[in-house]
N, C-alpha and C. Protein backbone atom coordinates (compact mmCIF):
# COMPACT_ATOMS: atom_id res chain seq x y z
N MET A 1 7.66 1.25 3.86
CA MET A 1 6.99 0.20 4.61
C MET A 1 7.23 -1.11 3.89
N THR A 2 7.95 -1.96 4.49
CA THR A 2 8.36 -3.21 3.86
C THR A 2 7.16 -4.06 3.44
N CYS A 3 6.14 -4.13 4.27
CA CYS A 3 4.98 -4.97 3.92
C CYS A 3 4.26 -4.43 2.68
N LEU A 4 4.23 -3.12 2.51
CA LEU A 4 3.62 -2.55 1.30
C LEU A 4 4.44 -2.91 0.06
N GLN A 5 5.73 -2.80 0.17
CA GLN A 5 6.60 -3.13 -0.95
C GLN A 5 6.47 -4.61 -1.31
N GLU A 6 6.44 -5.47 -0.30
CA GLU A 6 6.28 -6.91 -0.56
C GLU A 6 4.95 -7.20 -1.24
N LEU A 7 3.88 -6.57 -0.76
CA LEU A 7 2.56 -6.75 -1.37
C LEU A 7 2.57 -6.29 -2.82
N ARG A 8 3.11 -5.10 -3.04
CA ARG A 8 3.16 -4.54 -4.40
C ARG A 8 3.93 -5.45 -5.33
N GLN A 9 5.09 -5.90 -4.90
CA GLN A 9 5.92 -6.76 -5.75
C GLN A 9 5.27 -8.12 -5.99
N SER A 10 4.58 -8.65 -4.99
CA SER A 10 3.91 -9.95 -5.18
C SER A 10 2.77 -9.85 -6.19
N GLU A 11 2.20 -8.64 -6.30
CA GLU A 11 1.12 -8.42 -7.27
C GLU A 11 1.67 -8.00 -8.63
N GLY A 12 2.98 -7.77 -8.71
CA GLY A 12 3.61 -7.37 -9.98
C GLY A 12 3.27 -5.96 -10.40
N LEU A 13 3.09 -5.07 -9.43
CA LEU A 13 2.71 -3.69 -9.71
C LEU A 13 3.88 -2.73 -9.52
N THR A 14 3.84 -1.64 -10.26
CA THR A 14 4.79 -0.56 -10.03
C THR A 14 4.25 0.31 -8.89
N GLN A 15 5.07 1.21 -8.38
CA GLN A 15 4.59 2.11 -7.33
C GLN A 15 3.43 2.96 -7.85
N PHE A 16 3.52 3.41 -9.09
CA PHE A 16 2.46 4.22 -9.67
C PHE A 16 1.15 3.43 -9.76
N GLU A 17 1.22 2.18 -10.20
CA GLU A 17 0.02 1.34 -10.31
C GLU A 17 -0.58 1.05 -8.94
N MET A 18 0.27 0.83 -7.95
CA MET A 18 -0.20 0.57 -6.59
C MET A 18 -0.91 1.80 -6.03
N ALA A 19 -0.33 2.97 -6.25
CA ALA A 19 -0.95 4.21 -5.79
C ALA A 19 -2.32 4.39 -6.44
N LYS A 20 -2.40 4.09 -7.71
CA LYS A 20 -3.67 4.21 -8.43
C LYS A 20 -4.70 3.23 -7.87
N ALA A 21 -4.28 2.01 -7.57
CA ALA A 21 -5.18 0.99 -7.01
C ALA A 21 -5.71 1.43 -5.64
N LEU A 22 -4.88 2.14 -4.87
CA LEU A 22 -5.28 2.59 -3.54
C LEU A 22 -5.94 3.98 -3.56
N LYS A 23 -6.00 4.58 -4.75
CA LYS A 23 -6.61 5.90 -4.93
C LYS A 23 -5.92 6.98 -4.10
N ILE A 24 -4.57 6.92 -4.13
CA ILE A 24 -3.77 7.95 -3.49
C ILE A 24 -2.72 8.42 -4.49
N SER A 25 -2.05 9.52 -4.21
CA SER A 25 -1.04 10.03 -5.13
C SER A 25 0.22 9.15 -5.09
N TYR A 26 0.94 9.19 -6.18
CA TYR A 26 2.19 8.43 -6.26
C TYR A 26 3.17 8.91 -5.19
N SER A 27 3.26 10.22 -4.98
CA SER A 27 4.21 10.75 -4.00
C SER A 27 3.85 10.28 -2.58
N HIS A 28 2.57 10.26 -2.26
CA HIS A 28 2.16 9.78 -0.94
C HIS A 28 2.48 8.29 -0.80
N TYR A 29 2.20 7.52 -1.83
CA TYR A 29 2.50 6.09 -1.77
C TYR A 29 3.99 5.85 -1.56
N SER A 30 4.83 6.57 -2.29
CA SER A 30 6.27 6.35 -2.13
C SER A 30 6.74 6.71 -0.73
N LYS A 31 6.12 7.71 -0.11
CA LYS A 31 6.44 8.06 1.28
C LYS A 31 6.03 6.92 2.22
N LEU A 32 4.89 6.30 1.96
CA LEU A 32 4.46 5.17 2.78
C LEU A 32 5.43 4.00 2.66
N GLU A 33 5.81 3.70 1.44
CA GLU A 33 6.69 2.56 1.21
C GLU A 33 8.08 2.80 1.80
N ASP A 34 8.52 4.04 1.83
CA ASP A 34 9.85 4.38 2.36
C ASP A 34 9.83 4.74 3.84
N ASN A 35 8.70 4.52 4.50
CA ASN A 35 8.54 4.78 5.94
C ASN A 35 8.67 6.26 6.34
N PHE A 36 8.35 7.17 5.42
CA PHE A 36 8.33 8.58 5.76
C PHE A 36 6.95 9.03 6.21
N ALA A 37 5.96 8.15 6.04
CA ALA A 37 4.58 8.42 6.48
C ALA A 37 3.96 7.09 6.89
N LYS A 38 2.93 7.20 7.71
CA LYS A 38 2.21 6.00 8.14
C LYS A 38 0.86 5.97 7.42
N PRO A 39 0.36 4.78 7.08
CA PRO A 39 -0.91 4.71 6.36
C PRO A 39 -2.09 5.13 7.24
N SER A 40 -2.96 5.91 6.66
CA SER A 40 -4.18 6.31 7.35
C SER A 40 -5.16 5.13 7.34
N PHE A 41 -6.22 5.28 8.12
CA PHE A 41 -7.26 4.25 8.14
C PHE A 41 -7.85 4.08 6.74
N LYS A 42 -8.02 5.18 6.02
CA LYS A 42 -8.57 5.14 4.66
C LYS A 42 -7.66 4.32 3.73
N VAL A 43 -6.35 4.51 3.85
CA VAL A 43 -5.41 3.75 3.02
C VAL A 43 -5.48 2.27 3.39
N LEU A 44 -5.53 1.97 4.69
CA LEU A 44 -5.63 0.58 5.12
C LEU A 44 -6.92 -0.08 4.60
N GLN A 45 -8.00 0.68 4.60
CA GLN A 45 -9.25 0.15 4.04
C GLN A 45 -9.09 -0.12 2.54
N GLY A 46 -8.40 0.76 1.85
CA GLY A 46 -8.16 0.57 0.42
C GLY A 46 -7.34 -0.66 0.13
N ILE A 47 -6.36 -0.93 0.98
CA ILE A 47 -5.54 -2.14 0.82
C ILE A 47 -6.42 -3.37 0.97
N LYS A 48 -7.24 -3.39 2.00
CA LYS A 48 -8.11 -4.55 2.23
C LYS A 48 -9.12 -4.73 1.10
N LYS A 49 -9.64 -3.63 0.60
CA LYS A 49 -10.62 -3.70 -0.49
C LYS A 49 -9.98 -4.18 -1.79
N SER A 50 -8.81 -3.64 -2.10
CA SER A 50 -8.14 -3.98 -3.36
C SER A 50 -7.42 -5.32 -3.33
N PHE A 51 -6.94 -5.69 -2.15
CA PHE A 51 -6.16 -6.92 -2.00
C PHE A 51 -6.71 -7.71 -0.82
N SER A 52 -7.88 -8.28 -1.01
CA SER A 52 -8.63 -8.91 0.09
C SER A 52 -7.90 -10.09 0.73
N GLN A 53 -6.97 -10.71 0.03
CA GLN A 53 -6.24 -11.85 0.58
C GLN A 53 -5.15 -11.42 1.55
N THR A 54 -4.88 -10.13 1.65
CA THR A 54 -3.80 -9.61 2.48
C THR A 54 -4.12 -9.71 3.97
N ASP A 55 -3.18 -10.20 4.72
CA ASP A 55 -3.31 -10.25 6.19
C ASP A 55 -3.02 -8.85 6.73
N MET A 56 -4.03 -8.17 7.21
CA MET A 56 -3.87 -6.80 7.67
C MET A 56 -3.04 -6.68 8.94
N ASN A 57 -2.83 -7.77 9.64
CA ASN A 57 -1.99 -7.75 10.85
C ASN A 57 -0.55 -7.38 10.52
N ARG A 58 -0.14 -7.55 9.29
CA ARG A 58 1.22 -7.20 8.87
C ARG A 58 1.47 -5.70 8.98
N PHE A 59 0.43 -4.90 9.01
CA PHE A 59 0.58 -3.45 9.02
C PHE A 59 0.63 -2.86 10.42
N PHE A 60 0.55 -3.71 11.44
CA PHE A 60 0.55 -3.22 12.82
C PHE A 60 1.67 -3.83 13.63
């Protein structure tokens, strides 16, 4: 998912650190970033909570 990768890179985080911030596994996060899975509502809530400045419209 390009918007996840852009967000992660703008925050200067590794995939592992981003997964930890979102409270999901590294493998699940990498699937999200590579478009092999879609983020659940819980993951989207985690993004908003951890990165409140993020425009959530980018994910739809």
